[in-house]
Amino acid sequence: MLTRRGVLTTACLLALTPLLAEDSKPAAKPVPGQVVELFDGKTLTNWKAAEFGGEGKVTVEDGCLVIGAGEPITGATWSGGELPKVDYEITFEAQRAAGSDFFATLTFPVQKDTCSLVIGGWGGGVTGLSSLDGYDASENGTTNYLEYKAGQWYKVRLRVTKSHITAWIDQEQVLDVDYTDKKVGIRIEVELSKPLGFTTFRTKGLIRKLKLEHLAPSEAPKKSE
């Protein structure tokens, strides 16, 4: 025989059952083409300043994520929810506001690893991936030398699939590398930027219009016999 207390307990459990069932449902899979705003242009929500030591300030001004000049590195690291590790595209606009070195280096996930797209490094012009097979952006097959003018906005697009990392600056494709047989990594100096983050080197950089788009699942590369 149920007591009054037992009846109430049973009723409470029955009432909670739909809620528990709802919470236990797996999160909905992202839809290809779905776009997520990673920066609201108003606050540092989902972002935190990386404590490199000697870093400058990370603030929001006039709709921009401002990464101040540090001695030597300043960074803003994603602190929000889990991000895709493959089959995604990130777009943003970046500007070198002051200084002469990299102003918007992006560290990003690549399946189980992490890599960095260096923008304007090694004295101002080097653009490429750090690192591939242990080689930096200044010394591997993705090395490019571009001119970045202070105060000018540049549109950046980065795509990661199961086999390739591809990047564009404005409308120019600057790299397209098949990484399936390469060791993908980062420099130890930007370890605090994982899983996603921006860094500058003795340079003030501005970031705006930061978005992530989910892509349709790409095919895994076939293993050679």
N, C-alpha and C. Protein backbone atom coordinates (compact mmCIF):
# COMPACT_ATOMS: atom_id res chain seq x y z
N MET A 1 0.86 -1.19 0.00
CA MET A 1 0.00 0.00 0.00
C MET A 1 0.89 1.24 0.00
N LEU A 2 0.56 2.16 -0.88
CA LEU A 2 1.33 3.39 -0.95
C LEU A 2 0.86 4.38 0.10
N THR A 3 1.82 5.00 0.76
CA THR A 3 1.49 6.06 1.71
C THR A 3 1.31 7.35 0.92
N ARG A 4 0.81 8.38 1.61
CA ARG A 4 0.65 9.69 0.94
C ARG A 4 1.98 10.17 0.41
N ARG A 5 3.05 9.94 1.22
CA ARG A 5 4.39 10.38 0.79
C ARG A 5 4.83 9.61 -0.45
N GLY A 6 4.49 8.30 -0.45
CA GLY A 6 4.86 7.50 -1.61
C GLY A 6 4.13 7.92 -2.86
N VAL A 7 2.85 8.28 -2.70
CA VAL A 7 2.06 8.73 -3.85
C VAL A 7 2.64 10.02 -4.42
N LEU A 8 3.03 10.94 -3.53
CA LEU A 8 3.60 12.20 -3.98
C LEU A 8 4.92 11.98 -4.70
N THR A 9 5.74 11.08 -4.15
CA THR A 9 7.03 10.79 -4.78
C THR A 9 6.84 10.21 -6.17
N THR A 10 5.92 9.25 -6.26
CA THR A 10 5.65 8.63 -7.57
C THR A 10 5.14 9.66 -8.57
N ALA A 11 4.26 10.56 -8.09
CA ALA A 11 3.72 11.60 -8.97
C ALA A 11 4.82 12.52 -9.47
N CYS A 12 5.75 12.86 -8.59
CA CYS A 12 6.86 13.74 -8.96
C CYS A 12 7.74 13.08 -10.02
N LEU A 13 8.01 11.79 -9.82
CA LEU A 13 8.85 11.06 -10.78
C LEU A 13 8.18 10.99 -12.15
N LEU A 14 6.85 10.75 -12.13
CA LEU A 14 6.12 10.69 -13.39
C LEU A 14 6.15 12.03 -14.10
N ALA A 15 6.05 13.11 -13.31
CA ALA A 15 6.07 14.45 -13.90
C ALA A 15 7.43 14.78 -14.50
N LEU A 16 8.49 14.26 -13.88
CA LEU A 16 9.84 14.56 -14.35
C LEU A 16 10.26 13.70 -15.53
N THR A 17 9.57 12.57 -15.72
CA THR A 17 9.99 11.62 -16.75
C THR A 17 10.11 12.26 -18.14
N PRO A 18 9.12 13.05 -18.59
CA PRO A 18 9.26 13.68 -19.91
C PRO A 18 10.47 14.60 -19.99
N LEU A 19 10.75 15.33 -18.89
CA LEU A 19 11.88 16.25 -18.88
C LEU A 19 13.19 15.49 -18.95
N LEU A 20 13.28 14.38 -18.19
CA LEU A 20 14.50 13.58 -18.21
C LEU A 20 14.71 12.97 -19.58
N ALA A 21 13.61 12.52 -20.19
CA ALA A 21 13.72 11.94 -21.53
C ALA A 21 14.18 12.98 -22.52
N GLU A 22 13.68 14.24 -22.35
CA GLU A 22 14.08 15.33 -23.25
C GLU A 22 15.55 15.62 -23.11
N ASP A 23 16.06 15.67 -21.85
CA ASP A 23 17.47 15.98 -21.61
C ASP A 23 18.39 14.88 -22.13
N SER A 24 17.87 13.64 -22.16
CA SER A 24 18.71 12.52 -22.57
C SER A 24 18.84 12.40 -24.07
N LYS A 25 18.04 13.18 -24.81
CA LYS A 25 18.12 13.12 -26.25
C LYS A 25 19.46 13.68 -26.72
N PRO A 26 20.08 13.04 -27.73
CA PRO A 26 21.35 13.57 -28.24
C PRO A 26 21.15 14.92 -28.90
N ALA A 27 22.18 15.75 -28.83
CA ALA A 27 22.09 17.07 -29.44
C ALA A 27 21.89 16.95 -30.94
N ALA A 28 21.09 17.84 -31.49
CA ALA A 28 20.81 17.79 -32.92
C ALA A 28 22.08 18.01 -33.73
N LYS A 29 22.24 17.23 -34.78
CA LYS A 29 23.41 17.39 -35.63
C LYS A 29 23.31 18.68 -36.41
N PRO A 30 24.42 19.38 -36.59
CA PRO A 30 24.37 20.62 -37.36
C PRO A 30 23.95 20.36 -38.80
N VAL A 31 23.21 21.28 -39.35
CA VAL A 31 22.73 21.16 -40.72
C VAL A 31 23.74 21.81 -41.66
N PRO A 32 24.14 21.11 -42.74
CA PRO A 32 25.05 21.74 -43.70
C PRO A 32 24.50 23.08 -44.17
N GLY A 33 25.34 24.08 -44.15
CA GLY A 33 24.90 25.42 -44.52
C GLY A 33 24.52 26.27 -43.33
N GLN A 34 24.38 25.64 -42.16
CA GLN A 34 24.06 26.39 -40.94
C GLN A 34 25.22 27.30 -40.56
N VAL A 35 24.93 28.56 -40.31
CA VAL A 35 25.97 29.55 -39.98
C VAL A 35 25.82 29.97 -38.53
N VAL A 36 26.94 30.00 -37.82
CA VAL A 36 26.97 30.37 -36.42
C VAL A 36 27.81 31.63 -36.25
N GLU A 37 27.26 32.63 -35.58
CA GLU A 37 28.01 33.84 -35.27
C GLU A 37 28.92 33.55 -34.07
N LEU A 38 30.21 33.65 -34.24
CA LEU A 38 31.14 33.37 -33.15
C LEU A 38 31.47 34.60 -32.31
N PHE A 39 31.17 35.77 -32.83
CA PHE A 39 31.46 37.02 -32.11
C PHE A 39 30.30 37.97 -32.36
N ASP A 40 29.70 38.48 -31.26
CA ASP A 40 28.51 39.31 -31.41
C ASP A 40 28.81 40.77 -31.71
N GLY A 41 30.07 41.16 -31.70
CA GLY A 41 30.43 42.54 -32.02
C GLY A 41 30.18 43.53 -30.91
N LYS A 42 29.71 43.03 -29.75
CA LYS A 42 29.37 43.92 -28.65
C LYS A 42 30.07 43.56 -27.34
N THR A 43 30.26 42.27 -27.11
CA THR A 43 30.84 41.81 -25.85
C THR A 43 31.87 40.72 -26.09
N LEU A 44 32.55 40.32 -25.02
CA LEU A 44 33.50 39.22 -25.10
C LEU A 44 32.86 37.88 -24.73
N THR A 45 31.55 37.82 -24.86
CA THR A 45 30.85 36.57 -24.59
C THR A 45 31.46 35.44 -25.42
N ASN A 46 31.78 34.33 -24.76
CA ASN A 46 32.40 33.14 -25.38
C ASN A 46 33.87 33.34 -25.74
N TRP A 47 34.47 34.42 -25.28
CA TRP A 47 35.89 34.67 -25.53
C TRP A 47 36.59 35.06 -24.23
N LYS A 48 37.87 34.71 -24.13
CA LYS A 48 38.67 35.10 -22.97
C LYS A 48 40.07 35.47 -23.42
N ALA A 49 40.70 36.35 -22.68
CA ALA A 49 42.08 36.73 -22.98
C ALA A 49 43.01 35.59 -22.55
N ALA A 50 43.92 35.21 -23.43
CA ALA A 50 44.88 34.16 -23.11
C ALA A 50 46.01 34.76 -22.27
N GLU A 51 46.35 34.07 -21.19
CA GLU A 51 47.38 34.59 -20.27
C GLU A 51 48.76 34.08 -20.68
N PHE A 52 49.28 34.70 -21.74
CA PHE A 52 50.59 34.32 -22.25
C PHE A 52 51.72 34.85 -21.36
N GLY A 53 51.44 35.99 -20.71
CA GLY A 53 52.49 36.70 -19.99
C GLY A 53 53.02 37.80 -20.89
N GLY A 54 52.86 39.05 -20.44
CA GLY A 54 53.28 40.18 -21.28
C GLY A 54 52.26 40.56 -22.33
N GLU A 55 51.08 39.95 -22.24
CA GLU A 55 50.07 40.20 -23.27
C GLU A 55 49.45 41.59 -23.14
N GLY A 56 48.94 42.09 -24.27
CA GLY A 56 48.19 43.34 -24.25
C GLY A 56 46.74 43.08 -23.89
N LYS A 57 45.90 44.09 -24.03
CA LYS A 57 44.50 43.95 -23.66
C LYS A 57 43.67 43.37 -24.80
N VAL A 58 42.64 42.64 -24.43
CA VAL A 58 41.65 42.14 -25.38
C VAL A 58 40.33 42.84 -25.05
N THR A 59 39.81 43.60 -25.98
CA THR A 59 38.60 44.40 -25.74
C THR A 59 37.67 44.33 -26.95
N VAL A 60 36.54 45.00 -26.82
CA VAL A 60 35.59 45.14 -27.94
C VAL A 60 35.38 46.63 -28.17
N GLU A 61 35.61 47.07 -29.40
CA GLU A 61 35.44 48.47 -29.74
C GLU A 61 34.85 48.59 -31.14
N ASP A 62 33.79 49.38 -31.27
CA ASP A 62 33.19 49.66 -32.58
C ASP A 62 32.90 48.39 -33.37
N GLY A 63 32.40 47.37 -32.71
CA GLY A 63 32.03 46.14 -33.39
C GLY A 63 33.18 45.21 -33.70
N CYS A 64 34.35 45.52 -33.14
CA CYS A 64 35.54 44.72 -33.44
C CYS A 64 36.10 44.04 -32.18
N LEU A 65 36.61 42.85 -32.36
CA LEU A 65 37.40 42.20 -31.33
C LEU A 65 38.81 42.76 -31.45
N VAL A 66 39.24 43.49 -30.43
CA VAL A 66 40.54 44.19 -30.48
C VAL A 66 41.56 43.38 -29.68
N ILE A 67 42.63 42.98 -30.35
CA ILE A 67 43.70 42.22 -29.71
C ILE A 67 44.93 43.12 -29.68
N GLY A 68 45.23 43.67 -28.51
CA GLY A 68 46.29 44.66 -28.38
C GLY A 68 47.68 44.08 -28.56
N ALA A 69 48.63 44.96 -28.79
CA ALA A 69 50.02 44.55 -28.95
C ALA A 69 50.57 44.06 -27.61
N GLY A 70 51.25 42.94 -27.63
CA GLY A 70 51.84 42.39 -26.41
C GLY A 70 53.34 42.27 -26.53
N GLU A 71 53.97 41.78 -25.46
CA GLU A 71 55.41 41.54 -25.46
C GLU A 71 55.69 40.08 -25.09
N PRO A 72 55.65 39.15 -26.06
CA PRO A 72 55.39 39.52 -27.46
C PRO A 72 53.98 39.19 -27.96
N ILE A 73 53.25 38.26 -27.30
CA ILE A 73 52.01 37.73 -27.86
C ILE A 73 50.78 38.11 -27.04
N THR A 74 49.70 38.46 -27.75
CA THR A 74 48.39 38.65 -27.14
C THR A 74 47.42 37.73 -27.85
N GLY A 75 46.46 37.19 -27.10
CA GLY A 75 45.51 36.29 -27.74
C GLY A 75 44.13 36.34 -27.15
N ALA A 76 43.14 36.01 -27.98
CA ALA A 76 41.75 35.83 -27.55
C ALA A 76 41.37 34.40 -27.90
N THR A 77 40.90 33.64 -26.92
CA THR A 77 40.62 32.22 -27.10
C THR A 77 39.13 31.94 -26.89
N TRP A 78 38.59 31.08 -27.74
CA TRP A 78 37.18 30.70 -27.64
C TRP A 78 36.94 29.96 -26.33
N SER A 79 35.88 30.36 -25.61
CA SER A 79 35.52 29.71 -24.35
C SER A 79 34.07 29.26 -24.35
N GLY A 80 33.45 29.27 -25.53
CA GLY A 80 32.06 28.87 -25.64
C GLY A 80 31.91 27.37 -25.79
N GLY A 81 30.85 26.95 -26.47
CA GLY A 81 30.55 25.54 -26.62
C GLY A 81 31.50 24.83 -27.58
N GLU A 82 31.27 23.52 -27.70
CA GLU A 82 32.12 22.70 -28.55
C GLU A 82 31.95 23.10 -30.01
N LEU A 83 33.07 23.10 -30.73
CA LEU A 83 33.07 23.48 -32.13
C LEU A 83 33.36 22.25 -33.00
N PRO A 84 32.96 22.30 -34.27
CA PRO A 84 33.28 21.17 -35.15
C PRO A 84 34.78 21.05 -35.35
N LYS A 85 35.24 19.85 -35.56
CA LYS A 85 36.66 19.60 -35.76
C LYS A 85 36.99 19.33 -37.23
N VAL A 86 35.97 19.21 -38.04
CA VAL A 86 36.15 18.96 -39.47
C VAL A 86 34.85 19.35 -40.19
N ASP A 87 34.96 19.56 -41.49
CA ASP A 87 33.82 19.93 -42.32
C ASP A 87 33.17 21.23 -41.85
N TYR A 88 33.96 22.27 -41.84
CA TYR A 88 33.46 23.59 -41.47
C TYR A 88 34.27 24.66 -42.20
N GLU A 89 33.73 25.85 -42.20
CA GLU A 89 34.40 26.98 -42.83
C GLU A 89 34.27 28.19 -41.90
N ILE A 90 35.36 28.87 -41.66
CA ILE A 90 35.37 30.07 -40.82
C ILE A 90 35.68 31.28 -41.71
N THR A 91 34.90 32.33 -41.55
CA THR A 91 35.16 33.57 -42.27
C THR A 91 35.22 34.73 -41.29
N PHE A 92 36.05 35.70 -41.59
CA PHE A 92 36.14 36.90 -40.78
C PHE A 92 36.89 37.97 -41.56
N GLU A 93 36.85 39.18 -41.04
CA GLU A 93 37.65 40.27 -41.59
C GLU A 93 38.68 40.68 -40.54
N ALA A 94 39.88 40.98 -41.00
CA ALA A 94 40.97 41.31 -40.08
C ALA A 94 41.72 42.54 -40.57
N GLN A 95 42.25 43.28 -39.60
CA GLN A 95 43.02 44.50 -39.93
C GLN A 95 44.22 44.62 -38.99
N ARG A 96 45.35 44.98 -39.56
CA ARG A 96 46.52 45.32 -38.75
C ARG A 96 46.39 46.80 -38.41
N ALA A 97 46.08 47.08 -37.15
CA ALA A 97 45.85 48.46 -36.73
C ALA A 97 47.14 49.16 -36.35
N ALA A 98 48.10 48.41 -35.86
CA ALA A 98 49.41 48.96 -35.48
C ALA A 98 50.40 47.81 -35.40
N GLY A 99 51.68 48.12 -35.62
CA GLY A 99 52.70 47.08 -35.56
C GLY A 99 53.05 46.57 -36.94
N SER A 100 53.90 45.55 -36.99
CA SER A 100 54.40 45.09 -38.28
C SER A 100 54.51 43.57 -38.39
N ASP A 101 53.88 42.83 -37.49
CA ASP A 101 53.98 41.38 -37.55
C ASP A 101 52.58 40.77 -37.65
N PHE A 102 52.44 39.48 -37.29
CA PHE A 102 51.13 38.86 -37.52
C PHE A 102 50.07 39.50 -36.64
N PHE A 103 48.89 39.72 -37.26
CA PHE A 103 47.83 40.50 -36.62
C PHE A 103 46.52 39.75 -36.49
N ALA A 104 46.45 38.53 -37.03
CA ALA A 104 45.19 37.78 -36.95
C ALA A 104 45.44 36.29 -37.13
N THR A 105 46.50 35.78 -36.52
CA THR A 105 46.79 34.35 -36.66
C THR A 105 45.68 33.55 -36.00
N LEU A 106 45.10 32.63 -36.75
CA LEU A 106 43.96 31.84 -36.28
C LEU A 106 44.39 30.41 -35.99
N THR A 107 44.21 29.97 -34.76
CA THR A 107 44.43 28.57 -34.39
C THR A 107 43.08 27.87 -34.43
N PHE A 108 43.03 26.69 -35.04
CA PHE A 108 41.75 26.04 -35.31
C PHE A 108 41.89 24.52 -35.25
N PRO A 109 40.77 23.82 -34.96
CA PRO A 109 40.81 22.36 -34.88
C PRO A 109 40.87 21.69 -36.25
N VAL A 110 41.60 20.59 -36.30
CA VAL A 110 41.68 19.76 -37.50
C VAL A 110 41.56 18.31 -37.03
N GLN A 111 40.35 17.80 -37.01
CA GLN A 111 40.07 16.47 -36.47
C GLN A 111 40.63 16.36 -35.04
N LYS A 112 41.58 15.46 -34.80
CA LYS A 112 42.11 15.30 -33.44
C LYS A 112 43.26 16.25 -33.15
N ASP A 113 43.65 17.06 -34.13
CA ASP A 113 44.80 17.95 -33.98
C ASP A 113 44.37 19.41 -34.03
N THR A 114 45.35 20.29 -34.01
CA THR A 114 45.12 21.73 -34.09
C THR A 114 46.20 22.32 -34.99
N CYS A 115 45.85 23.36 -35.73
CA CYS A 115 46.81 24.02 -36.61
C CYS A 115 46.58 25.53 -36.53
N SER A 116 47.49 26.30 -37.09
CA SER A 116 47.35 27.76 -37.09
C SER A 116 47.53 28.31 -38.50
N LEU A 117 46.66 29.24 -38.87
CA LEU A 117 46.81 30.00 -40.10
C LEU A 117 47.48 31.31 -39.73
N VAL A 118 48.75 31.43 -40.07
CA VAL A 118 49.51 32.64 -39.77
C VAL A 118 49.20 33.69 -40.83
N ILE A 119 48.89 34.90 -40.39
CA ILE A 119 48.57 35.99 -41.32
C ILE A 119 49.49 37.17 -41.02
N GLY A 120 50.47 37.37 -41.88
CA GLY A 120 51.36 38.52 -41.76
C GLY A 120 52.50 38.33 -40.79
N GLY A 121 53.01 37.12 -40.67
CA GLY A 121 54.09 36.85 -39.72
C GLY A 121 55.49 37.05 -40.29
N TRP A 122 56.49 36.77 -39.44
CA TRP A 122 57.90 36.84 -39.83
C TRP A 122 58.23 38.18 -40.50
N GLY A 123 57.90 39.26 -39.81
CA GLY A 123 58.24 40.57 -40.33
C GLY A 123 57.14 41.24 -41.11
N GLY A 124 55.97 40.56 -41.27
CA GLY A 124 54.85 41.26 -41.85
C GLY A 124 54.14 40.64 -43.02
N GLY A 125 54.78 39.70 -43.75
CA GLY A 125 54.14 39.22 -44.96
C GLY A 125 53.85 37.74 -45.04
N VAL A 126 54.49 36.92 -44.21
CA VAL A 126 54.33 35.47 -44.33
C VAL A 126 52.91 35.03 -43.98
N THR A 127 52.34 34.26 -44.88
CA THR A 127 51.01 33.70 -44.69
C THR A 127 51.07 32.21 -45.00
N GLY A 128 50.63 31.38 -44.07
CA GLY A 128 50.68 29.93 -44.27
C GLY A 128 50.30 29.19 -43.01
N LEU A 129 50.48 27.88 -43.02
CA LEU A 129 50.09 27.04 -41.89
C LEU A 129 51.28 26.70 -41.01
N SER A 130 51.07 26.78 -39.72
CA SER A 130 52.06 26.34 -38.73
C SER A 130 51.35 25.38 -37.77
N SER A 131 51.78 24.15 -37.79
CA SER A 131 52.87 23.67 -38.61
C SER A 131 52.45 22.38 -39.30
N LEU A 132 53.24 22.01 -40.31
CA LEU A 132 53.04 20.77 -41.05
C LEU A 132 54.34 19.98 -41.01
N ASP A 133 54.26 18.76 -40.49
CA ASP A 133 55.44 17.90 -40.35
C ASP A 133 56.55 18.61 -39.58
N GLY A 134 56.14 19.48 -38.64
CA GLY A 134 57.11 20.18 -37.80
C GLY A 134 57.67 21.45 -38.40
N TYR A 135 57.26 21.79 -39.62
CA TYR A 135 57.79 22.99 -40.28
C TYR A 135 56.78 24.13 -40.17
N ASP A 136 57.29 25.34 -39.90
CA ASP A 136 56.46 26.52 -39.71
C ASP A 136 55.94 27.07 -41.03
N ALA A 137 55.08 28.09 -40.90
CA ALA A 137 54.50 28.74 -42.07
C ALA A 137 55.56 29.39 -42.96
N SER A 138 56.72 29.66 -42.41
CA SER A 138 57.79 30.30 -43.19
C SER A 138 58.64 29.30 -43.94
N GLU A 139 58.38 27.99 -43.75
CA GLU A 139 59.30 27.01 -44.33
C GLU A 139 58.63 25.72 -44.79
N ASN A 140 57.34 25.79 -45.09
CA ASN A 140 56.70 24.59 -45.65
C ASN A 140 56.00 24.93 -46.95
N GLY A 141 55.30 23.97 -47.51
CA GLY A 141 54.69 24.14 -48.82
C GLY A 141 53.55 25.13 -48.88
N THR A 142 53.10 25.65 -47.74
CA THR A 142 52.00 26.62 -47.75
C THR A 142 52.50 28.06 -47.68
N THR A 143 53.82 28.26 -47.65
CA THR A 143 54.40 29.59 -47.46
C THR A 143 54.00 30.56 -48.57
N ASN A 144 53.43 31.69 -48.19
CA ASN A 144 53.12 32.78 -49.11
C ASN A 144 53.64 34.08 -48.52
N TYR A 145 53.97 35.03 -49.39
CA TYR A 145 54.41 36.35 -48.95
C TYR A 145 53.44 37.38 -49.53
N LEU A 146 52.62 37.97 -48.65
CA LEU A 146 51.63 38.94 -49.07
C LEU A 146 51.88 40.29 -48.41
N GLU A 147 51.41 41.33 -49.06
CA GLU A 147 51.53 42.67 -48.48
C GLU A 147 50.23 43.00 -47.74
N TYR A 148 50.37 43.36 -46.46
CA TYR A 148 49.22 43.77 -45.66
C TYR A 148 49.41 45.23 -45.26
N LYS A 149 48.51 46.08 -45.71
CA LYS A 149 48.61 47.50 -45.40
C LYS A 149 47.92 47.81 -44.09
N ALA A 150 48.58 48.61 -43.27
CA ALA A 150 48.00 49.00 -41.99
C ALA A 150 46.70 49.76 -42.22
N GLY A 151 45.68 49.46 -41.43
CA GLY A 151 44.41 50.16 -41.53
C GLY A 151 43.48 49.63 -42.60
N GLN A 152 43.89 48.60 -43.30
CA GLN A 152 43.05 48.03 -44.37
C GLN A 152 42.45 46.70 -43.91
N TRP A 153 41.17 46.50 -44.25
CA TRP A 153 40.49 45.25 -43.89
C TRP A 153 40.76 44.18 -44.94
N TYR A 154 40.97 42.96 -44.46
CA TYR A 154 41.18 41.81 -45.34
C TYR A 154 40.17 40.72 -44.98
N LYS A 155 39.54 40.16 -46.01
CA LYS A 155 38.58 39.09 -45.80
C LYS A 155 39.31 37.74 -45.81
N VAL A 156 39.07 36.97 -44.77
CA VAL A 156 39.75 35.68 -44.62
C VAL A 156 38.71 34.57 -44.62
N ARG A 157 39.02 33.49 -45.35
CA ARG A 157 38.14 32.31 -45.35
C ARG A 157 39.00 31.07 -45.20
N LEU A 158 38.65 30.24 -44.24
CA LEU A 158 39.38 29.01 -43.96
C LEU A 158 38.42 27.84 -44.00
N ARG A 159 38.79 26.78 -44.75
CA ARG A 159 37.95 25.59 -44.86
C ARG A 159 38.74 24.37 -44.41
N VAL A 160 38.09 23.53 -43.60
CA VAL A 160 38.71 22.29 -43.13
C VAL A 160 37.79 21.12 -43.47
N THR A 161 38.30 20.17 -44.26
CA THR A 161 37.56 18.94 -44.57
C THR A 161 38.38 17.76 -44.06
N LYS A 162 37.93 16.54 -44.36
CA LYS A 162 38.63 15.36 -43.87
C LYS A 162 39.99 15.16 -44.53
N SER A 163 40.26 15.88 -45.61
CA SER A 163 41.53 15.69 -46.31
C SER A 163 42.29 16.97 -46.59
N HIS A 164 41.59 18.11 -46.63
CA HIS A 164 42.25 19.35 -47.05
C HIS A 164 42.01 20.51 -46.08
N ILE A 165 43.01 21.38 -46.03
CA ILE A 165 42.89 22.69 -45.39
C ILE A 165 43.10 23.71 -46.50
N THR A 166 42.11 24.59 -46.68
CA THR A 166 42.16 25.57 -47.76
C THR A 166 41.90 26.95 -47.18
N ALA A 167 42.59 27.95 -47.70
CA ALA A 167 42.41 29.31 -47.18
C ALA A 167 42.47 30.34 -48.31
N TRP A 168 41.68 31.40 -48.12
CA TRP A 168 41.65 32.51 -49.05
C TRP A 168 41.87 33.81 -48.28
N ILE A 169 42.59 34.74 -48.89
CA ILE A 169 42.69 36.12 -48.40
C ILE A 169 42.04 37.00 -49.45
N ASP A 170 41.01 37.72 -49.06
CA ASP A 170 40.13 38.37 -50.02
C ASP A 170 39.61 37.28 -50.97
N GLN A 171 39.76 37.40 -52.24
CA GLN A 171 39.26 36.36 -53.14
C GLN A 171 40.38 35.45 -53.66
N GLU A 172 41.58 35.64 -53.17
CA GLU A 172 42.72 34.85 -53.65
C GLU A 172 42.95 33.62 -52.77
N GLN A 173 42.97 32.46 -53.40
CA GLN A 173 43.29 31.24 -52.65
C GLN A 173 44.80 31.23 -52.39
N VAL A 174 45.17 31.19 -51.11
CA VAL A 174 46.58 31.27 -50.75
C VAL A 174 47.16 29.91 -50.38
N LEU A 175 46.30 28.93 -50.09
CA LEU A 175 46.82 27.59 -49.82
C LEU A 175 45.70 26.58 -49.96
N ASP A 176 46.08 25.37 -50.34
CA ASP A 176 45.17 24.23 -50.43
C ASP A 176 46.04 22.99 -50.27
N VAL A 177 46.05 22.46 -49.07
CA VAL A 177 46.99 21.37 -48.77
C VAL A 177 46.24 20.11 -48.36
N ASP A 178 46.67 18.99 -48.92
CA ASP A 178 46.18 17.69 -48.52
C ASP A 178 47.02 17.27 -47.31
N TYR A 179 46.37 17.19 -46.15
CA TYR A 179 47.12 16.93 -44.92
C TYR A 179 47.03 15.47 -44.46
N THR A 180 46.43 14.62 -45.28
CA THR A 180 46.17 13.25 -44.83
C THR A 180 47.44 12.48 -44.47
N ASP A 181 48.54 12.79 -45.12
CA ASP A 181 49.80 12.10 -44.82
C ASP A 181 50.80 13.01 -44.13
N LYS A 182 50.28 14.08 -43.51
CA LYS A 182 51.16 15.03 -42.84
C LYS A 182 50.83 15.10 -41.35
N LYS A 183 51.82 15.50 -40.57
CA LYS A 183 51.60 15.72 -39.14
C LYS A 183 51.19 17.17 -38.95
N VAL A 184 49.96 17.37 -38.49
CA VAL A 184 49.43 18.71 -38.27
C VAL A 184 49.67 19.13 -36.82
N GLY A 185 50.13 20.35 -36.61
CA GLY A 185 50.40 20.80 -35.25
C GLY A 185 50.42 22.30 -35.14
N ILE A 186 50.82 22.79 -33.97
CA ILE A 186 50.96 24.22 -33.73
C ILE A 186 52.30 24.50 -33.05
N ARG A 187 52.70 25.73 -33.05
CA ARG A 187 53.87 26.13 -32.27
C ARG A 187 53.47 26.19 -30.80
N ILE A 188 54.40 25.82 -29.94
CA ILE A 188 54.11 25.78 -28.51
C ILE A 188 53.69 27.14 -27.97
N GLU A 189 54.14 28.21 -28.64
CA GLU A 189 53.82 29.56 -28.16
C GLU A 189 52.33 29.87 -28.18
N VAL A 190 51.55 29.18 -29.02
CA VAL A 190 50.12 29.46 -29.11
C VAL A 190 49.28 28.32 -28.53
N GLU A 191 49.85 27.56 -27.65
CA GLU A 191 49.14 26.45 -27.01
C GLU A 191 47.86 26.93 -26.32
N LEU A 192 47.88 28.13 -25.76
CA LEU A 192 46.72 28.65 -25.05
C LEU A 192 45.60 29.10 -25.99
N SER A 193 45.84 29.01 -27.30
CA SER A 193 44.81 29.38 -28.27
C SER A 193 43.89 28.22 -28.63
N LYS A 194 44.22 27.02 -28.18
CA LYS A 194 43.40 25.85 -28.49
C LYS A 194 42.07 25.92 -27.74
N PRO A 195 40.95 25.45 -28.33
CA PRO A 195 40.84 24.84 -29.65
C PRO A 195 40.71 25.85 -30.78
N LEU A 196 40.32 27.08 -30.44
CA LEU A 196 40.16 28.13 -31.44
C LEU A 196 40.55 29.45 -30.82
N GLY A 197 41.38 30.21 -31.52
CA GLY A 197 41.78 31.49 -30.97
C GLY A 197 42.56 32.33 -31.96
N PHE A 198 42.65 33.62 -31.65
CA PHE A 198 43.43 34.57 -32.46
C PHE A 198 44.61 35.06 -31.65
N THR A 199 45.73 35.27 -32.31
CA THR A 199 46.91 35.83 -31.65
C THR A 199 47.55 36.91 -32.52
N THR A 200 48.24 37.84 -31.83
CA THR A 200 49.04 38.86 -32.51
C THR A 200 50.43 38.87 -31.89
N PHE A 201 51.40 39.37 -32.64
CA PHE A 201 52.78 39.42 -32.17
C PHE A 201 53.28 40.86 -32.23
N ARG A 202 53.38 41.48 -31.04
CA ARG A 202 53.81 42.88 -30.95
C ARG A 202 53.06 43.76 -31.93
N THR A 203 51.80 43.42 -32.14
CA THR A 203 50.97 44.08 -33.14
C THR A 203 49.53 44.14 -32.64
N LYS A 204 48.85 45.22 -32.97
CA LYS A 204 47.44 45.36 -32.63
C LYS A 204 46.60 44.92 -33.81
N GLY A 205 45.72 43.95 -33.57
CA GLY A 205 44.87 43.45 -34.64
C GLY A 205 43.40 43.62 -34.32
N LEU A 206 42.59 43.77 -35.36
CA LEU A 206 41.14 43.89 -35.23
C LEU A 206 40.47 42.74 -35.98
N ILE A 207 39.44 42.18 -35.37
CA ILE A 207 38.68 41.10 -35.99
C ILE A 207 37.21 41.48 -35.97
N ARG A 208 36.50 41.22 -37.04
CA ARG A 208 35.06 41.46 -37.08
C ARG A 208 34.39 40.46 -38.04
N LYS A 209 33.05 40.41 -37.98
CA LYS A 209 32.25 39.56 -38.87
C LYS A 209 32.73 38.11 -38.84
N LEU A 210 32.93 37.61 -37.64
CA LEU A 210 33.45 36.25 -37.45
C LEU A 210 32.32 35.24 -37.44
N LYS A 211 32.35 34.31 -38.39
CA LYS A 211 31.29 33.31 -38.52
C LYS A 211 31.86 31.94 -38.81
N LEU A 212 31.09 30.93 -38.44
CA LEU A 212 31.44 29.54 -38.76
C LEU A 212 30.26 28.92 -39.50
N GLU A 213 30.55 28.27 -40.61
CA GLU A 213 29.52 27.58 -41.39
C GLU A 213 29.78 26.08 -41.39
N HIS A 214 28.76 25.31 -41.07
CA HIS A 214 28.87 23.85 -41.13
C HIS A 214 28.77 23.40 -42.58
N LEU A 215 29.67 22.51 -42.98
CA LEU A 215 29.67 22.00 -44.35
C LEU A 215 29.11 20.58 -44.39
N ALA A 216 28.71 20.17 -45.58
CA ALA A 216 28.26 18.80 -45.76
C ALA A 216 29.43 17.85 -45.47
N PRO A 217 29.16 16.69 -44.89
CA PRO A 217 30.25 15.75 -44.57
C PRO A 217 31.08 15.41 -45.80
N SER A 218 32.38 15.55 -45.65
CA SER A 218 33.28 15.22 -46.75
C SER A 218 33.67 13.75 -46.67
N GLU A 219 34.18 13.22 -47.75
CA GLU A 219 34.59 11.82 -47.78
C GLU A 219 35.97 11.67 -47.16
N ALA A 220 36.12 10.63 -46.36
CA ALA A 220 37.44 10.34 -45.79
C ALA A 220 38.33 9.84 -46.93
N PRO A 221 39.59 10.26 -46.93
CA PRO A 221 40.50 9.80 -47.99
C PRO A 221 40.69 8.30 -47.94
N LYS A 222 40.77 7.70 -49.12
CA LYS A 222 40.97 6.26 -49.20
C LYS A 222 42.43 5.92 -48.92
N LYS A 223 42.62 4.90 -48.11
CA LYS A 223 43.97 4.48 -47.81
C LYS A 223 44.55 3.70 -48.98
N SER A 224 45.80 3.98 -49.26
CA SER A 224 46.46 3.27 -50.36
C SER A 224 46.72 1.84 -49.95
N GLU A 225 46.71 0.95 -50.95
CA GLU A 225 46.94 -0.47 -50.68
C GLU A 225 48.36 -0.69 -50.18
